[in-house]
Protein backbone atom coordinates (compact mmCIF):
# COMPACT_ATOMS: atom_id res chain seq x y z
CA MET A 1 -80.84 46.80 -110.66
CA THR A 2 -81.11 44.67 -107.57
CA THR A 3 -79.60 45.51 -104.26
CA GLU A 4 -78.85 42.98 -101.60
CA LEU A 5 -78.72 43.74 -97.94
CA PRO A 6 -75.30 43.20 -96.43
CA ILE A 7 -75.06 40.04 -94.37
CA ALA A 8 -73.86 40.64 -90.85
CA GLU A 9 -71.18 38.46 -89.34
CA ILE A 10 -72.75 35.78 -87.19
CA SER A 11 -70.62 36.85 -84.22
CA TYR A 12 -72.18 40.33 -84.45
CA LEU A 13 -75.64 38.78 -84.49
CA GLU A 14 -74.77 36.78 -81.38
CA ALA A 15 -73.51 39.91 -79.61
CA TRP A 16 -76.67 41.74 -80.66
CA LEU A 17 -78.82 38.92 -79.27
CA GLU A 18 -76.85 38.85 -76.04
CA SER A 19 -77.41 42.59 -75.53
CA PHE A 20 -81.17 42.21 -76.01
CA ILE A 21 -81.33 39.30 -73.56
CA SER A 22 -79.35 41.34 -71.05
CA SER A 23 -81.69 44.30 -71.52
CA TYR A 24 -84.69 42.01 -71.12
CA SER A 25 -83.43 40.73 -67.78
CA GLN A 26 -83.38 44.33 -66.52
CA SER A 27 -86.63 45.53 -68.10
CA SER A 28 -88.91 42.93 -69.60
CA ASN A 29 -91.36 44.01 -72.29
CA LYS A 30 -92.94 42.54 -75.38
CA GLN A 31 -90.85 44.67 -77.79
CA LEU A 32 -87.62 43.22 -76.41
CA LEU A 33 -89.10 39.73 -76.65
CA ALA A 34 -89.85 40.36 -80.33
CA LYS A 35 -86.27 41.54 -80.91
CA ILE A 36 -84.89 38.47 -79.15
CA CYS A 37 -87.02 36.17 -81.32
CA LEU A 38 -85.87 38.08 -84.40
CA GLY A 39 -82.24 37.74 -83.33
CA VAL A 40 -82.46 34.00 -82.74
CA ASN A 41 -84.13 33.53 -86.12
CA ALA A 42 -81.51 35.69 -87.86
CA ILE A 43 -78.73 33.54 -86.42
CA MET A 44 -80.44 30.28 -87.33
CA GLN A 45 -81.04 31.45 -90.91
CA HIS A 46 -77.52 32.80 -91.37
CA ASP A 47 -75.31 31.14 -93.99
CA ASP A 48 -72.65 30.46 -91.35
CA PHE A 49 -75.00 28.80 -88.84
CA ASP A 50 -73.38 25.44 -89.65
CA GLN A 51 -70.18 26.77 -88.05
CA LEU A 52 -72.07 26.71 -84.76
CA ALA A 53 -72.80 23.00 -85.05
CA ASP A 54 -72.00 22.42 -81.40
CA ARG A 55 -74.69 24.96 -80.44
CA HIS A 56 -77.49 24.04 -82.86
CA CYS A 57 -79.54 22.36 -80.15
CA SER A 58 -79.13 25.36 -77.86
CA TYR A 59 -80.45 27.73 -80.50
CA TYR A 60 -83.48 25.55 -81.17
CA LYS A 61 -84.19 25.46 -77.43
CA MET A 62 -83.72 29.23 -77.18
CA LYS A 63 -86.05 29.78 -80.10
CA ASN A 64 -88.79 27.72 -78.47
CA TYR A 65 -88.27 29.36 -75.06
CA TRP A 66 -88.32 32.97 -76.27
CA LEU A 67 -91.24 32.33 -78.60
CA TRP A 68 -93.16 30.85 -75.66
CA ARG A 69 -92.30 33.90 -73.51
CA TYR A 70 -93.48 36.19 -76.31
CA GLN A 71 -96.77 34.34 -76.68
CA ILE A 72 -97.63 34.51 -72.97
CA ALA A 73 -96.57 38.16 -72.56
């Protein structure tokens, strides 16, 4: 028997990411940076990421930016 994790709607993932970025702006710490990186990656690996075609470039830029912030923290 195999169980698969439910796939979250991409809009929920975006809202989740937005809340972590908002929290980070108020209280920056490495744990929030890790959650932000995780959120960006989850969105980019989502099956529906192609629906965000107009924002692909933005997500790649965000990924690089937040990963950089995480590495220097």
